[in-house]
Amino acid sequence: MNIRVLKKTENSMRFVVKGITTPFANTLRRIMHAEVSSMAIDDVVIIENSSVLHDEILALRLGLIPLKTNLDSYNLPEECSCKSELGCNLCRTVLTLDTQAKSEVRIVYSGDLVPEDPNIAPVSDKIPIVKLAPSQRVRLEAYAKLGKGKVHAKWQPVSACTYRYMPIIKIDSASCDACGDCVEVCPRKVFEKNRNKIKVANLSECILCGDCVEACNKNPPAIRISWNENSFIFFVESMGGLPVERVLSEALKIYENKYLEFMNKLAGIENEPEKTS
C-alpha cells in the first residue's frame, strides 16, 4: 500500500491510496465514520434554565458542539477501570456554563463554556447555543466523554469521508485535432491546450463524468477514460476535534485489531474437535 498526499489544510486532506481493493477502501471509510472515538457532551445537569429553550433541546444543542479530543488521556467509558455510570477523571470531563442576560438580549456561545480540562474545549467559540432575553439565565454542568459514531452522530470525528477511483485518461494524439472542446466542457479543468496539443493537466481532479468523451468530434473519440480499480482518491474532513492524520491512523489500528480478532476466532474454530454423534 502506498499513500501520497495531494492537498492538506488544517482540517482536511486529500490523498491517493494505491495497492488496495474496493472493499478495503469502503471498510476504511466506514471505520473513520463510525469506529474512531471522539469527545462529545453526553450528560447535562441543568441547574437553572429560564430561557425559551426546553432543557432537552438545550442539552441536544450542547451535544452537537464539536469538542477537541485527547485520545491519549481518556478511556472509552465501557473500557474504563472505574466501571461507574457516573464516570471518573479518566473517562469524562466537565464543562460548566453560567450566563445571565442583564438589561439587553444576549446570545450564549460555545465560547461561554468553561472546560475543566483545557484540552477538551469547543473547537470554535462562535457556535450559538441560546438567546437570552433580559434577566434570563442558564446554569448547567455538561459532562463530555468519548464515544463512537455508530452510537450517535455527535461522536463522528469527520464531517466528510469519501473515496473515488483514480482515473486513467488516454488521448490518441494521432486522431486528436486539438479542437479544445474537451478543455471547455470539462467541469474540473482536467485538460489544457498547449501548442496545439491537448494535455492532461489535473488528473486527480477528474470525476469520470465522461463529458469530454461526448464533446470529442471524432468517431471513435480521441479521448478514452477508465479507472484504476486498485487506486483511490480519498477526501477526509475532520470536525476539528482530531487531526485528519490521527483519524486515519486510528482507523488503521482499529482495522488491524478487527482483523486479528477475526483470525484468532477462525483459528479457534479450526482447532475445535469434531463432534461425534
Protein backbone atom coordinates (compact mmCIF):
# COMPACT_ATOMS: atom_id res chain seq x y z
CA MET A 1 0.00 0.00 0.00
CA ASN A 2 1.26 3.46 -0.91
CA ILE A 3 -0.15 6.82 0.26
CA ARG A 4 0.50 10.17 -1.41
CA VAL A 5 -0.93 13.44 -0.10
CA LEU A 6 -2.40 15.71 -2.78
CA LYS A 7 -3.65 18.59 -0.65
CA LYS A 8 -3.76 19.28 3.05
CA THR A 9 -5.36 22.05 5.12
CA GLU A 10 -5.89 22.47 8.85
CA ASN A 11 -8.96 20.21 8.98
CA SER A 12 -9.00 18.35 5.66
CA MET A 13 -6.78 16.23 3.48
CA ARG A 14 -7.00 14.75 0.00
CA PHE A 15 -4.70 11.81 -0.67
CA VAL A 16 -4.19 8.87 -3.01
CA VAL A 17 -4.01 5.30 -1.73
CA LYS A 18 -2.55 2.72 -4.12
CA GLY A 19 -2.48 -1.04 -3.82
CA ILE A 20 -5.82 -1.66 -2.05
CA THR A 21 -9.18 -3.10 -3.08
CA THR A 22 -12.62 -1.52 -3.12
CA PRO A 23 -13.82 -3.48 -0.05
CA PHE A 24 -10.80 -2.28 1.93
CA ALA A 25 -11.36 1.33 0.84
CA ASN A 26 -15.01 1.16 1.90
CA THR A 27 -14.08 -0.51 5.19
CA LEU A 28 -11.61 2.29 5.93
CA ARG A 29 -14.28 4.90 5.15
CA ARG A 30 -16.84 3.22 7.40
CA ILE A 31 -14.36 2.88 10.29
CA MET A 32 -13.45 6.57 10.12
CA HIS A 33 -17.15 7.46 10.27
CA ALA A 34 -18.34 5.01 12.87
CA GLU A 35 -15.48 3.48 14.87
CA VAL A 36 -12.87 6.17 15.60
CA SER A 37 -13.60 7.70 19.01
CA SER A 38 -14.07 11.40 19.66
CA MET A 39 -15.25 13.55 22.56
CA ALA A 40 -18.78 14.96 22.86
CA ILE A 41 -21.13 16.16 25.59
CA ASP A 42 -23.42 13.31 26.61
CA ASP A 43 -24.91 14.19 30.03
CA VAL A 44 -26.11 17.64 31.08
CA VAL A 45 -27.19 18.67 34.57
CA ILE A 46 -29.46 21.74 34.31
CA ILE A 47 -29.19 23.85 37.46
CA GLU A 48 -31.19 26.80 36.17
CA ASN A 49 -32.78 27.47 32.79
CA SER A 50 -35.14 30.38 32.34
CA SER A 51 -34.52 30.67 28.58
CA VAL A 52 -37.13 29.88 25.92
CA LEU A 53 -35.48 26.53 25.13
CA HIS A 54 -36.61 23.41 26.97
CA ASP A 55 -33.94 21.57 28.92
CA GLU A 56 -33.91 18.69 26.41
CA ILE A 57 -33.37 20.99 23.42
CA LEU A 58 -30.61 22.86 25.24
CA ALA A 59 -28.86 19.56 26.05
CA LEU A 60 -29.21 18.43 22.42
CA ARG A 61 -27.57 21.62 21.14
CA LEU A 62 -24.71 21.21 23.59
CA GLY A 63 -24.16 17.62 22.47
CA LEU A 64 -23.71 18.68 18.86
CA ILE A 65 -20.90 21.15 19.63
CA PRO A 66 -17.63 19.62 18.30
CA LEU A 67 -15.02 19.29 21.05
CA LYS A 68 -11.25 18.99 20.88
CA THR A 69 -10.29 15.41 21.65
CA ASN A 70 -7.34 13.95 23.54
CA LEU A 71 -7.39 10.21 22.89
CA ASP A 72 -4.26 9.62 24.95
CA SER A 73 -5.71 10.96 28.22
CA TYR A 74 -9.20 9.46 28.29
CA ASN A 75 -10.74 5.99 28.05
CA LEU A 76 -13.97 4.89 26.49
CA PRO A 77 -16.50 4.60 29.36
CA GLU A 78 -17.07 0.90 28.65
CA GLU A 79 -13.32 0.26 28.79
CA CYS A 80 -12.53 2.40 31.85
CA SER A 81 -11.42 0.65 35.04
CA CYS A 82 -13.86 2.69 37.18
CA LYS A 83 -16.86 0.73 35.81
CA SER A 84 -19.10 3.55 37.01
CA GLU A 85 -22.13 5.06 35.30
CA LEU A 86 -21.05 8.47 36.58
CA GLY A 87 -17.54 8.05 35.21
CA CYS A 88 -14.25 9.31 36.59
CA ASN A 89 -11.43 11.65 35.60
CA LEU A 90 -10.13 9.02 33.20
CA CYS A 91 -13.31 8.71 31.15
CA ARG A 92 -15.17 12.00 31.44
CA THR A 93 -14.63 15.72 31.88
CA VAL A 94 -16.88 18.63 32.80
CA LEU A 95 -17.71 21.89 31.07
CA THR A 96 -19.70 24.49 33.03
CA LEU A 97 -21.94 27.30 31.82
CA ASP A 98 -23.25 30.17 33.92
CA THR A 99 -24.53 33.06 31.84
CA GLN A 100 -27.20 35.68 32.52
CA ALA A 101 -28.56 38.49 30.36
CA LYS A 102 -28.63 41.81 32.16
CA SER A 103 -30.63 44.62 30.59
CA GLU A 104 -30.12 43.57 26.96
CA VAL A 105 -30.62 40.45 24.87
CA ARG A 106 -27.57 38.19 24.95
CA ILE A 107 -26.58 35.27 22.75
CA VAL A 108 -24.81 32.45 24.57
CA TYR A 109 -21.97 30.99 22.50
CA SER A 110 -19.85 27.88 22.81
CA GLY A 111 -17.03 30.13 23.99
CA ASP A 112 -19.01 30.72 27.21
CA LEU A 113 -18.48 27.09 28.20
CA VAL A 114 -15.71 26.78 30.80
CA PRO A 115 -13.86 23.46 30.44
CA GLU A 116 -12.39 21.60 33.39
CA ASP A 117 -9.69 20.32 31.03
CA PRO A 118 -8.38 23.00 28.64
CA ASN A 119 -7.58 20.24 26.13
CA ILE A 120 -11.29 19.36 25.91
CA ALA A 121 -12.91 22.56 24.72
CA PRO A 122 -15.17 23.56 21.81
CA VAL A 123 -13.30 23.69 18.51
CA SER A 124 -14.93 27.08 17.88
CA ASP A 125 -16.11 29.69 20.36
CA LYS A 126 -18.60 31.18 17.88
CA ILE A 127 -21.25 28.44 17.89
CA PRO A 128 -24.57 29.93 19.16
CA ILE A 129 -26.34 27.92 21.87
CA VAL A 130 -29.31 30.01 23.02
CA LYS A 131 -30.55 33.61 23.01
CA LEU A 132 -31.39 35.06 26.40
CA ALA A 133 -33.86 37.87 27.00
CA PRO A 134 -33.15 40.40 29.77
CA SER A 135 -32.94 38.75 33.23
CA GLN A 136 -32.95 35.20 31.78
CA ARG A 137 -30.21 32.85 32.96
CA VAL A 138 -28.68 29.47 32.15
CA ARG A 139 -26.59 27.49 34.64
CA LEU A 140 -25.53 23.93 33.93
CA GLU A 141 -22.83 21.29 34.05
CA ALA A 142 -22.08 19.36 30.85
CA TYR A 143 -20.25 16.03 31.04
CA ALA A 144 -18.25 15.05 27.96
CA LYS A 145 -16.95 11.58 27.21
CA LEU A 146 -15.53 9.54 24.37
CA GLY A 147 -17.90 7.73 22.04
CA LYS A 148 -18.27 6.31 18.56
CA GLY A 149 -20.24 7.50 15.58
CA LYS A 150 -22.09 4.19 15.30
CA VAL A 151 -23.80 5.07 18.60
CA HIS A 152 -24.61 8.71 17.78
CA ALA A 153 -23.59 11.11 15.02
CA LYS A 154 -22.28 13.63 17.56
CA TRP A 155 -19.29 11.32 18.09
CA GLN A 156 -18.31 11.18 14.42
CA PRO A 157 -14.80 12.65 14.13
CA VAL A 158 -15.26 13.52 10.45
CA SER A 159 -17.81 15.64 8.64
CA ALA A 160 -16.87 14.14 5.26
CA CYS A 161 -15.08 10.96 4.26
CA THR A 162 -15.32 9.91 0.62
CA TYR A 163 -13.28 8.00 -1.93
CA ARG A 164 -13.33 7.52 -5.69
CA TYR A 165 -11.31 5.61 -8.26
CA MET A 166 -8.11 7.10 -9.59
CA PRO A 167 -8.94 7.99 -13.22
CA ILE A 168 -6.98 6.85 -16.26
CA ILE A 169 -7.12 9.20 -19.24
CA LYS A 170 -5.61 8.38 -22.61
CA ILE A 171 -5.51 10.80 -25.55
CA ASP A 172 -4.89 9.46 -29.05
CA SER A 173 -2.52 12.09 -30.39
CA ALA A 174 -2.82 10.67 -33.92
CA SER A 175 -6.55 11.36 -34.19
CA CYS A 176 -6.86 14.36 -31.85
CA ASP A 177 -7.00 17.64 -33.79
CA ALA A 178 -6.72 19.79 -30.62
CA CYS A 179 -10.07 21.46 -31.20
CA GLY A 180 -10.26 22.31 -27.48
CA ASP A 181 -13.88 21.22 -26.96
CA CYS A 182 -12.84 18.86 -24.15
CA VAL A 183 -10.98 21.70 -22.43
CA GLU A 184 -14.05 23.95 -22.47
CA VAL A 185 -16.60 21.33 -21.41
CA CYS A 186 -14.64 19.77 -18.55
CA PRO A 187 -16.15 20.99 -15.23
CA ARG A 188 -12.97 20.27 -13.24
CA LYS A 189 -10.40 21.80 -15.65
CA VAL A 190 -8.60 18.49 -16.15
CA PHE A 191 -7.31 19.33 -19.65
CA GLU A 192 -5.27 22.16 -21.07
CA LYS A 193 -4.35 23.17 -24.61
CA ASN A 194 -0.65 23.75 -25.12
CA ARG A 195 0.95 24.35 -28.54
CA ASN A 196 -1.85 22.75 -30.49
CA LYS A 197 -1.87 19.71 -28.24
CA ILE A 198 -4.33 18.61 -25.59
CA LYS A 199 -2.70 17.50 -22.36
CA VAL A 200 -3.96 16.20 -19.04
CA ALA A 201 -3.09 18.89 -16.51
CA ASN A 202 -5.01 17.77 -13.39
CA LEU A 203 -5.59 14.04 -13.49
CA SER A 204 -6.69 13.74 -9.86
CA GLU A 205 -9.49 16.29 -10.44
CA CYS A 206 -11.27 14.04 -12.96
CA ILE A 207 -14.63 12.77 -11.66
CA LEU A 208 -15.20 10.32 -14.55
CA CYS A 209 -18.24 12.24 -15.79
CA GLY A 210 -17.47 11.49 -19.45
CA ASP A 211 -18.35 14.97 -20.74
CA CYS A 212 -15.01 15.22 -22.53
CA VAL A 213 -15.66 11.97 -24.42
CA GLU A 214 -19.10 13.16 -25.52
CA ALA A 215 -17.69 16.54 -26.63
CA CYS A 216 -15.00 14.98 -28.81
CA ASN A 217 -15.91 15.35 -32.50
CA LYS A 218 -14.00 12.23 -33.55
CA ASN A 219 -15.50 8.82 -34.17
CA PRO A 220 -14.29 6.95 -32.24
CA PRO A 221 -13.44 9.67 -29.69
CA ALA A 222 -9.78 10.58 -29.31
CA ILE A 223 -10.19 10.52 -25.53
CA ARG A 224 -10.64 7.33 -23.54
CA ILE A 225 -11.44 7.35 -19.83
CA SER A 226 -11.22 4.43 -17.41
CA TRP A 227 -10.11 3.92 -13.83
CA ASN A 228 -7.65 2.00 -11.71
CA GLU A 229 -9.50 -0.50 -9.53
CA ASN A 230 -6.64 -0.63 -7.02
CA SER A 231 -6.02 3.09 -6.59
CA PHE A 232 -8.34 5.55 -4.81
CA ILE A 233 -8.55 9.25 -4.11
CA PHE A 234 -9.73 9.91 -0.56
CA PHE A 235 -11.10 13.16 0.82
CA VAL A 236 -11.36 13.38 4.62
CA GLU A 237 -12.57 16.43 6.52
CA SER A 238 -12.27 16.50 10.31
CA MET A 239 -14.82 18.07 12.64
CA GLY A 240 -11.84 19.81 14.23
CA GLY A 241 -11.52 17.64 17.32
CA LEU A 242 -8.87 15.34 15.86
CA PRO A 243 -6.30 15.98 13.11
CA VAL A 244 -7.03 14.10 9.90
CA GLU A 245 -3.77 12.15 10.24
CA ARG A 246 -4.82 10.90 13.68
CA VAL A 247 -8.25 9.86 12.40
CA LEU A 248 -6.61 7.86 9.61
CA SER A 249 -4.03 6.21 11.87
CA GLU A 250 -6.69 5.28 14.45
CA ALA A 251 -8.85 3.79 11.69
CA LEU A 252 -5.96 1.61 10.53
CA LYS A 253 -5.32 0.44 14.11
CA ILE A 254 -8.98 -0.48 14.54
CA TYR A 255 -8.93 -2.37 11.24
CA GLU A 256 -5.84 -4.29 12.30
CA ASN A 257 -7.41 -5.22 15.64
CA LYS A 258 -10.59 -6.40 13.95
CA TYR A 259 -8.56 -8.49 11.51
CA LEU A 260 -6.51 -10.11 14.31
CA GLU A 261 -9.66 -10.81 16.32
CA PHE A 262 -11.28 -12.48 13.33
CA MET A 263 -8.21 -14.60 12.61
CA ASN A 264 -7.99 -15.71 16.25
CA LYS A 265 -11.63 -16.74 16.28
CA LEU A 266 -11.17 -18.55 12.98
CA ALA A 267 -8.17 -20.41 14.38
CA GLY A 268 -10.23 -21.39 17.43
CA ILE A 269 -12.95 -22.87 15.23
CA GLU A 270 -10.43 -24.87 13.22
CA ASN A 271 -8.87 -26.28 16.40
CA GLU A 272 -12.17 -27.41 17.90
CA PRO A 273 -12.53 -31.22 17.97
CA GLU A 274 -15.19 -32.67 15.71
CA LYS A 275 -18.37 -33.76 17.46
CA THR A 276 -19.36 -37.38 17.07
CA SER A 277 -22.96 -38.48 17.26
